[in-house]
Amino acid sequence: MEKIGKYKKWILALIFSVILIVVYKTFDNFSKIMGFIGLVWKSLSPFVVGFVIAYILNMPCRKINTKLSGSKKKFISKNSKAISIILVYLISLLALFVIIRSIVPALYKNIVDLYYNIPRYFDEAISAVVKWQSENNITIFEVDEMTATNTFNNILSKIDITEFSKYAKGVINITSSVINLFIGIIVSVYMLIDKERIIETSKHLTRILLKKETSEKIIKVVAKVNEIFSKYIFCLLLDALFMAVVSTIVLSLIKVKYALILGLMIGICNLIPYFGAIISGVSSVLITLLTGGILKAIWAAIGLGLLQQIDGNFVGPKIMGQMLNVSPLWIIFAVTLGGGLFGVGGMIISVPLLMVIKMIASEAIKNKEAEMNEISKLGDNDNE
């Protein structure tokens, strides 16, 4: 040990030099390293897709498995896990088939029709505003029809509908993405089958690499984080699906043009807490105003407003339970920050991250209070 102590400075200098060389070589060959990372990521993409699919489908699998395991029929209770996985995948594939065969063609037709007709709707809206202002001798907006139309057409020309058309037609072709998706589905099945083994192996490795106390804390925190994320994402997707389907039905009953597009937009926007409902609601009413007139827009506003109230006060809390037991101010803060840093994905993921931070902070505060109480008790005992 004394001999090592003599050369401690030289050893540290050597380690520092090696680190400098590694850092320099990393930046010197940054493009090659990034290219290699990209190649590895591309190769592993089926496993990433498989993990995402398995993670989303894990919750319904667990719920069905719990129901089937309590069955009085021995065969069903014994093979509940396998039956639950088969059922979930059959339902998912059936839903995907229905979407591809029925919804996608209608949605594509709606989008193309809206794209080609929106200049006409815009011109009609501008003309209506100008006419109303001249009839009532009121000037709320200084509107130059020609300038407004040219500006709008310039914005619209930046959207190339032919690219969307090529993409939509290319979806049905067998490409590497479809093959990766197919491999991902197979991987996800095996992940769900071997879920318990994968979890136990991860726990075992954590216990080997870290101290017992540290490893147990990490395992406990990861389990809670996983529970929060899996429940939140599944419940959010379920709520978004409910809003997409019911909104489409409500708008179709009112005979709103492009009800399918608007319903899908409402469902997707519903993934974003607070802001999503406002953005989708206002956008839907404005599009209805342009395409169907003021009376239909009023009915759409009433219908969607009632639906949002039902979702916010009954359906959402029923699905989410007590998960969103966080101040709305903090949720709005998290969504705003997440959106600013990481875009739409950040908005969606910000709420479960906030819940995780809240959980960790609560645990830390409880542990600190327990320590302080213990110190206080020891002090009282010493005084006695």
Protein backbone atom coordinates (compact mmCIF):
# COMPACT_ATOMS: atom_id res chain seq x y z
CA MET A 1 0.00 0.00 0.00
CA GLU A 2 2.91 2.38 0.84
CA LYS A 3 4.50 1.69 -2.59
CA ILE A 4 1.20 2.50 -4.30
CA GLY A 5 0.95 5.70 -2.23
CA LYS A 6 4.30 6.85 -3.61
CA TYR A 7 3.08 6.62 -7.20
CA LYS A 8 -0.46 7.87 -6.49
CA LYS A 9 0.11 11.20 -8.27
CA TRP A 10 1.58 9.46 -11.32
CA ILE A 11 -1.31 6.98 -11.45
CA LEU A 12 -3.87 9.81 -11.28
CA ALA A 13 -1.98 11.73 -13.98
CA LEU A 14 -1.97 8.61 -16.20
CA ILE A 15 -5.75 8.09 -15.70
CA PHE A 16 -6.40 11.76 -16.48
CA SER A 17 -4.26 11.53 -19.65
CA VAL A 18 -6.13 8.42 -20.81
CA ILE A 19 -9.47 10.19 -20.23
CA LEU A 20 -8.26 13.22 -22.25
CA ILE A 21 -7.17 10.96 -25.13
CA VAL A 22 -10.52 9.12 -25.09
CA VAL A 23 -12.45 12.43 -25.08
CA TYR A 24 -10.29 13.85 -27.89
CA LYS A 25 -10.67 10.71 -30.02
CA THR A 26 -14.41 10.71 -29.39
CA PHE A 27 -14.83 14.26 -30.70
CA ASP A 28 -12.30 13.67 -33.48
CA ASN A 29 -14.34 10.71 -34.76
CA PHE A 30 -17.73 12.05 -33.66
CA SER A 31 -19.46 11.46 -37.02
CA LYS A 32 -18.17 7.86 -37.18
CA ILE A 33 -19.26 7.18 -33.59
CA MET A 34 -22.70 8.67 -34.22
CA GLY A 35 -22.95 6.62 -37.41
CA PHE A 36 -22.09 3.46 -35.46
CA ILE A 37 -24.65 4.34 -32.75
CA GLY A 38 -27.25 4.96 -35.49
CA LEU A 39 -26.46 1.55 -37.04
CA VAL A 40 -26.78 -0.20 -33.66
CA TRP A 41 -30.05 1.65 -32.96
CA LYS A 42 -31.41 0.64 -36.39
CA SER A 43 -30.45 -2.98 -35.76
CA LEU A 44 -32.10 -2.98 -32.33
CA SER A 45 -35.22 -1.06 -33.45
CA PRO A 46 -37.39 -4.23 -33.62
CA PHE A 47 -36.55 -4.87 -29.96
CA VAL A 48 -37.38 -1.26 -29.06
CA VAL A 49 -40.71 -1.58 -30.93
CA GLY A 50 -41.31 -4.92 -29.19
CA PHE A 51 -40.63 -3.40 -25.77
CA VAL A 52 -43.05 -0.48 -26.45
CA ILE A 53 -45.80 -2.86 -27.64
CA ALA A 54 -45.27 -5.21 -24.69
CA TYR A 55 -45.24 -2.29 -22.23
CA ILE A 56 -48.56 -0.91 -23.55
CA LEU A 57 -50.25 -4.33 -23.73
CA ASN A 58 -48.93 -5.48 -20.34
CA MET A 59 -51.70 -3.70 -18.42
CA PRO A 60 -54.68 -5.30 -20.24
CA CYS A 61 -52.84 -8.65 -20.12
CA ARG A 62 -52.52 -8.36 -16.34
CA LYS A 63 -56.16 -7.42 -15.89
CA ILE A 64 -57.43 -10.29 -18.07
CA ASN A 65 -54.99 -12.70 -16.40
CA THR A 66 -56.29 -11.70 -12.95
CA LYS A 67 -59.89 -12.35 -14.05
CA LEU A 68 -59.11 -15.69 -15.72
CA SER A 69 -56.89 -17.01 -12.91
CA GLY A 70 -59.94 -16.95 -10.61
CA SER A 71 -62.03 -19.02 -13.04
CA LYS A 72 -63.66 -22.20 -11.75
CA LYS A 73 -62.64 -24.02 -14.94
CA LYS A 74 -59.28 -25.66 -14.26
CA PHE A 75 -57.96 -25.36 -17.85
CA ILE A 76 -58.64 -21.59 -17.95
CA SER A 77 -57.20 -20.85 -14.49
CA LYS A 78 -54.11 -23.00 -15.20
CA ASN A 79 -53.40 -21.36 -18.59
CA SER A 80 -54.69 -17.88 -17.71
CA LYS A 81 -51.44 -16.11 -18.68
CA ALA A 82 -51.23 -17.68 -22.15
CA ILE A 83 -54.96 -17.14 -22.80
CA SER A 84 -54.75 -13.48 -21.70
CA ILE A 85 -51.80 -12.81 -24.06
CA ILE A 86 -53.58 -14.52 -26.99
CA LEU A 87 -56.81 -12.58 -26.32
CA VAL A 88 -55.05 -9.19 -26.10
CA TYR A 89 -53.14 -9.75 -29.34
CA LEU A 90 -56.21 -11.02 -31.18
CA ILE A 91 -58.20 -7.94 -30.09
CA SER A 92 -55.30 -5.61 -31.02
CA LEU A 93 -54.80 -7.20 -34.45
CA LEU A 94 -58.54 -7.14 -35.13
CA ALA A 95 -58.67 -3.44 -34.20
CA LEU A 96 -55.64 -2.75 -36.43
CA PHE A 97 -57.28 -4.62 -39.33
CA VAL A 98 -60.51 -2.60 -38.94
CA ILE A 99 -58.53 0.67 -38.80
CA ILE A 100 -56.51 -0.16 -41.94
CA ARG A 101 -59.47 -1.48 -43.92
CA SER A 102 -62.18 0.98 -42.89
CA ILE A 103 -60.92 4.08 -41.11
CA VAL A 104 -57.66 4.83 -42.99
CA PRO A 105 -59.25 5.08 -46.51
CA ALA A 106 -62.09 7.31 -45.18
CA LEU A 107 -59.59 9.43 -43.25
CA TYR A 108 -57.35 9.79 -46.30
CA LYS A 109 -60.32 10.85 -48.44
CA ASN A 110 -61.40 13.42 -45.78
CA ILE A 111 -57.89 14.91 -45.52
CA VAL A 112 -57.46 15.26 -49.29
CA ASP A 113 -60.94 16.75 -49.64
CA LEU A 114 -60.29 19.25 -46.83
CA TYR A 115 -56.93 20.23 -48.34
CA TYR A 116 -58.40 21.03 -51.76
CA ASN A 117 -61.51 22.77 -50.38
CA ILE A 118 -59.99 24.83 -47.56
CA PRO A 119 -59.08 27.82 -49.84
CA ARG A 120 -62.76 28.05 -50.83
CA TYR A 121 -63.87 27.87 -47.18
CA PHE A 122 -61.36 30.58 -46.29
CA ASP A 123 -62.54 32.87 -49.12
CA GLU A 124 -66.17 32.40 -48.07
CA ALA A 125 -65.30 33.24 -44.43
CA ILE A 126 -63.39 36.41 -45.43
CA SER A 127 -66.24 37.49 -47.72
CA ALA A 128 -68.78 36.90 -44.93
CA VAL A 129 -66.76 39.05 -42.49
CA VAL A 130 -66.39 41.88 -45.06
CA LYS A 131 -70.10 41.74 -45.95
CA TRP A 132 -71.22 41.77 -42.30
CA GLN A 133 -68.96 44.74 -41.48
CA SER A 134 -70.21 46.76 -44.49
CA GLU A 135 -73.89 45.99 -43.80
CA ASN A 136 -73.60 47.06 -40.16
CA ASN A 137 -71.20 49.93 -40.87
CA ILE A 138 -68.74 48.44 -38.37
CA THR A 139 -64.97 48.00 -38.82
CA ILE A 140 -63.64 45.48 -36.31
CA PHE A 141 -61.04 43.99 -38.66
CA GLU A 142 -59.33 45.77 -41.54
CA VAL A 143 -59.67 42.98 -44.14
CA ASP A 144 -58.20 43.13 -47.63
CA GLU A 145 -59.67 40.08 -49.35
CA MET A 146 -56.95 39.77 -51.99
CA THR A 147 -54.06 40.12 -49.51
CA ALA A 148 -55.64 37.67 -47.03
CA THR A 149 -56.29 35.11 -49.78
CA ASN A 150 -52.76 35.38 -51.17
CA THR A 151 -51.21 35.06 -47.69
CA PHE A 152 -53.34 32.01 -46.90
CA ASN A 153 -52.55 30.36 -50.26
CA ASN A 154 -48.82 30.92 -49.70
CA ILE A 155 -49.07 29.14 -46.33
CA LEU A 156 -51.11 26.31 -47.85
CA SER A 157 -48.68 25.86 -50.75
CA LYS A 158 -45.97 24.83 -48.28
CA ILE A 159 -47.98 21.67 -47.51
CA ASP A 160 -47.34 19.08 -50.23
CA ILE A 161 -50.38 16.81 -50.34
CA THR A 162 -48.70 14.58 -52.95
CA GLU A 163 -46.13 13.51 -50.33
CA PHE A 164 -48.94 12.51 -47.99
CA SER A 165 -50.57 10.62 -50.87
CA LYS A 166 -47.36 8.73 -51.62
CA TYR A 167 -46.93 7.90 -47.94
CA ALA A 168 -50.54 6.74 -47.56
CA LYS A 169 -50.26 4.50 -50.63
CA GLY A 170 -46.89 3.20 -49.47
CA VAL A 171 -48.26 2.05 -46.11
CA ILE A 172 -49.63 -1.13 -47.67
CA ASN A 173 -46.29 -2.01 -49.32
CA ILE A 174 -43.93 -4.54 -47.70
CA THR A 175 -41.00 -2.45 -46.52
CA SER A 176 -38.28 -2.75 -43.89
CA SER A 177 -40.49 -0.80 -41.47
CA VAL A 178 -43.29 -3.36 -41.84
CA ILE A 179 -40.78 -6.20 -41.35
CA ASN A 180 -39.40 -4.45 -38.24
CA LEU A 181 -42.94 -4.04 -36.93
CA PHE A 182 -43.65 -7.75 -37.53
CA ILE A 183 -40.43 -8.73 -35.71
CA GLY A 184 -41.31 -6.25 -32.96
CA ILE A 185 -44.71 -7.91 -32.46
CA ILE A 186 -43.04 -11.34 -32.13
CA VAL A 187 -40.46 -9.89 -29.70
CA SER A 188 -43.25 -8.28 -27.64
CA VAL A 189 -45.03 -11.67 -27.32
CA TYR A 190 -41.85 -13.29 -25.94
CA MET A 191 -41.29 -10.31 -23.63
CA LEU A 192 -44.78 -10.74 -22.14
CA ILE A 193 -44.28 -14.51 -21.80
CA ASP A 194 -40.85 -14.12 -20.12
CA LYS A 195 -41.78 -10.94 -18.22
CA GLU A 196 -41.28 -12.43 -14.74
CA ARG A 197 -37.94 -14.00 -15.71
CA ILE A 198 -36.66 -10.70 -17.22
CA ILE A 199 -37.67 -8.79 -14.06
CA GLU A 200 -36.03 -11.34 -11.75
CA THR A 201 -32.81 -11.33 -13.83
CA SER A 202 -32.69 -7.51 -13.68
CA LYS A 203 -33.19 -7.59 -9.90
CA HIS A 204 -30.48 -10.26 -9.52
CA LEU A 205 -27.97 -8.20 -11.54
CA THR A 206 -28.78 -5.06 -9.52
CA ARG A 207 -28.16 -6.95 -6.26
CA ILE A 208 -24.83 -8.30 -7.59
CA LEU A 209 -23.53 -4.94 -8.85
CA LEU A 210 -24.67 -2.76 -5.91
CA LYS A 211 -24.76 -2.90 -2.14
CA LYS A 212 -27.77 -4.61 -0.60
CA GLU A 213 -29.37 -1.45 0.84
CA THR A 214 -28.82 0.57 -2.36
CA SER A 215 -30.04 -2.23 -4.65
CA GLU A 216 -33.23 -2.74 -2.62
CA LYS A 217 -33.99 0.99 -2.74
CA ILE A 218 -33.43 1.10 -6.51
CA ILE A 219 -35.63 -1.99 -7.08
CA LYS A 220 -38.39 -0.46 -4.94
CA VAL A 221 -38.25 2.92 -6.76
CA VAL A 222 -38.13 1.31 -10.25
CA ALA A 223 -41.17 -0.85 -9.38
CA LYS A 224 -43.15 2.24 -8.31
CA VAL A 225 -42.02 4.25 -11.36
CA ASN A 226 -43.03 1.39 -13.65
CA GLU A 227 -46.44 1.17 -11.97
CA ILE A 228 -47.03 4.92 -12.39
CA PHE A 229 -45.94 5.00 -16.05
CA SER A 230 -47.74 1.83 -17.15
CA LYS A 231 -51.04 2.77 -15.47
CA TYR A 232 -50.89 6.37 -16.66
CA ILE A 233 -50.04 5.56 -20.30
CA PHE A 234 -52.67 2.79 -20.55
CA CYS A 235 -55.38 4.94 -18.92
CA LEU A 236 -54.44 7.93 -21.10
CA LEU A 237 -54.67 5.85 -24.29
CA LEU A 238 -58.02 4.41 -23.16
CA ASP A 239 -59.39 7.89 -22.43
CA ALA A 240 -58.08 9.21 -25.79
CA LEU A 241 -59.75 6.29 -27.61
CA PHE A 242 -63.05 7.02 -25.81
CA MET A 243 -62.88 10.71 -26.77
CA ALA A 244 -61.96 9.94 -30.41
CA VAL A 245 -64.85 7.48 -30.89
CA VAL A 246 -67.54 9.46 -29.02
CA SER A 247 -66.48 12.82 -30.57
CA THR A 248 -66.69 11.30 -34.06
CA ILE A 249 -70.19 9.94 -33.28
CA VAL A 250 -71.39 13.27 -31.81
CA LEU A 251 -70.04 15.32 -34.75
CA SER A 252 -71.48 12.80 -37.25
CA LEU A 253 -74.92 13.11 -35.61
CA ILE A 254 -74.71 16.90 -35.98
CA LYS A 255 -73.71 16.19 -39.62
CA VAL A 256 -70.41 18.04 -39.34
CA LYS A 257 -68.23 17.64 -42.41
CA TYR A 258 -64.88 15.94 -41.72
CA ALA A 259 -66.22 14.46 -38.45
CA LEU A 260 -63.71 11.60 -38.70
CA ILE A 261 -60.69 13.94 -38.94
CA LEU A 262 -61.96 16.12 -36.09
CA GLY A 263 -62.79 13.12 -33.87
CA LEU A 264 -59.31 11.67 -34.42
CA MET A 265 -57.72 15.08 -33.71
CA ILE A 266 -59.73 15.39 -30.47
CA GLY A 267 -58.60 11.91 -29.37
CA ILE A 268 -54.92 12.63 -30.10
CA CYS A 269 -55.05 16.08 -28.46
CA ASN A 270 -56.68 14.48 -25.41
CA LEU A 271 -53.29 12.85 -24.71
CA ILE A 272 -52.08 16.33 -23.68
CA PRO A 273 -53.54 17.28 -20.25
CA TYR A 274 -55.55 20.55 -19.99
CA PHE A 275 -54.23 22.20 -23.20
CA GLY A 276 -55.22 19.32 -25.51
CA ALA A 277 -58.95 19.64 -24.88
CA ILE A 278 -58.88 23.42 -25.44
CA ILE A 279 -56.80 23.20 -28.67
CA SER A 280 -58.92 20.40 -30.18
CA GLY A 281 -62.25 21.96 -29.13
CA VAL A 282 -61.50 25.42 -30.52
CA SER A 283 -59.99 23.98 -33.74
CA SER A 284 -63.00 21.70 -34.30
CA VAL A 285 -65.49 24.55 -33.83
CA LEU A 286 -63.51 26.84 -36.20
CA ILE A 287 -63.33 24.13 -38.91
CA THR A 288 -67.06 23.46 -38.46
CA LEU A 289 -67.74 27.20 -38.77
CA LEU A 290 -65.81 27.34 -42.06
CA THR A 291 -67.33 24.16 -43.52
CA GLY A 292 -70.87 24.15 -42.10
CA GLY A 293 -71.83 27.64 -41.01
CA ILE A 294 -72.47 29.35 -37.68
CA LEU A 295 -75.49 27.27 -36.58
CA LYS A 296 -73.65 23.98 -37.01
CA ALA A 297 -70.59 25.46 -35.26
CA ILE A 298 -72.77 26.41 -32.25
CA TRP A 299 -74.17 22.86 -32.06
CA ALA A 300 -70.64 21.44 -32.37
CA ALA A 301 -69.44 23.74 -29.56
CA ILE A 302 -72.34 22.65 -27.32
CA GLY A 303 -71.86 18.94 -28.12
CA LEU A 304 -68.08 18.97 -27.64
CA GLY A 305 -68.37 21.17 -24.53
CA LEU A 306 -70.77 18.69 -22.90
CA LEU A 307 -68.55 15.78 -23.95
CA GLN A 308 -65.47 17.45 -22.44
CA GLN A 309 -67.39 18.01 -19.19
CA ILE A 310 -68.50 14.35 -19.08
CA ASP A 311 -64.93 13.21 -19.76
CA GLY A 312 -63.38 15.63 -17.26
CA ASN A 313 -65.82 14.97 -14.42
CA PHE A 314 -66.86 11.33 -14.89
CA VAL A 315 -65.02 9.24 -17.50
CA GLY A 316 -61.48 10.60 -16.89
CA PRO A 317 -61.59 10.25 -13.07
CA LYS A 318 -63.19 6.80 -13.44
CA ILE A 319 -60.38 5.61 -15.73
CA MET A 320 -57.52 7.41 -13.97
CA GLY A 321 -58.79 6.85 -10.42
CA GLN A 322 -56.69 8.79 -7.94
CA MET A 323 -53.61 8.86 -10.18
CA LEU A 324 -53.76 12.60 -10.89
CA ASN A 325 -53.77 13.57 -7.23
CA VAL A 326 -51.55 16.54 -8.11
CA SER A 327 -52.33 20.25 -8.10
CA PRO A 328 -53.58 21.45 -11.54
CA LEU A 329 -51.05 24.31 -11.33
CA TRP A 330 -48.17 21.81 -11.14
CA ILE A 331 -49.61 19.79 -14.03
CA ILE A 332 -49.91 22.91 -16.22
CA PHE A 333 -46.32 23.85 -15.25
CA ALA A 334 -45.07 20.33 -16.13
CA VAL A 335 -46.93 20.26 -19.47
CA THR A 336 -45.63 23.74 -20.42
CA LEU A 337 -42.03 22.87 -19.49
CA GLY A 338 -42.18 19.43 -21.13
CA GLY A 339 -43.64 20.90 -24.33
CA GLY A 340 -41.04 23.67 -24.42
CA LEU A 341 -38.14 21.22 -24.01
CA PHE A 342 -39.29 18.12 -25.91
CA GLY A 343 -42.37 19.10 -27.95
CA VAL A 344 -45.59 17.07 -27.98
CA GLY A 345 -43.84 13.97 -26.58
CA GLY A 346 -42.64 16.06 -23.64
CA MET A 347 -46.20 17.27 -22.98
CA ILE A 348 -47.50 13.69 -22.82
CA ILE A 349 -44.67 12.30 -20.69
CA SER A 350 -44.39 15.33 -18.36
CA VAL A 351 -47.32 14.36 -16.08
CA PRO A 352 -46.09 10.83 -15.15
CA LEU A 353 -42.60 12.34 -14.65
CA LEU A 354 -44.14 14.91 -12.29
CA MET A 355 -45.88 12.09 -10.41
CA VAL A 356 -42.57 10.20 -10.11
CA ILE A 357 -40.80 13.34 -8.81
CA LYS A 358 -43.65 13.86 -6.33
CA MET A 359 -43.34 10.25 -5.15
CA ILE A 360 -39.54 10.48 -4.70
CA ALA A 361 -39.83 13.85 -2.93
CA SER A 362 -42.55 12.52 -0.60
CA GLU A 363 -40.40 9.48 0.27
CA ALA A 364 -37.36 11.70 0.91
CA ILE A 365 -39.39 14.04 3.17
CA LYS A 366 -40.84 11.09 5.11
CA ASN A 367 -37.36 9.58 5.62
CA LYS A 368 -35.96 12.96 6.74
CA GLU A 369 -38.85 13.46 9.19
CA ALA A 370 -38.32 9.93 10.55
CA GLU A 371 -34.59 10.68 11.06
CA MET A 372 -35.36 13.98 12.81
CA ASN A 373 -37.92 12.27 15.08
CA GLU A 374 -35.36 9.58 15.91
CA ILE A 375 -32.71 12.20 16.75
CA SER A 376 -35.29 14.09 18.84
CA LYS A 377 -36.17 10.93 20.78
CA LEU A 378 -32.49 10.16 21.42
CA GLY A 379 -31.99 13.73 22.68
CA ASP A 380 -34.97 13.43 25.04
CA ASN A 381 -33.62 10.13 26.38
CA ASP A 382 -30.19 11.68 27.01
CA ASN A 383 -31.81 14.57 28.93
CA GLU A 384 -33.66 12.10 31.14
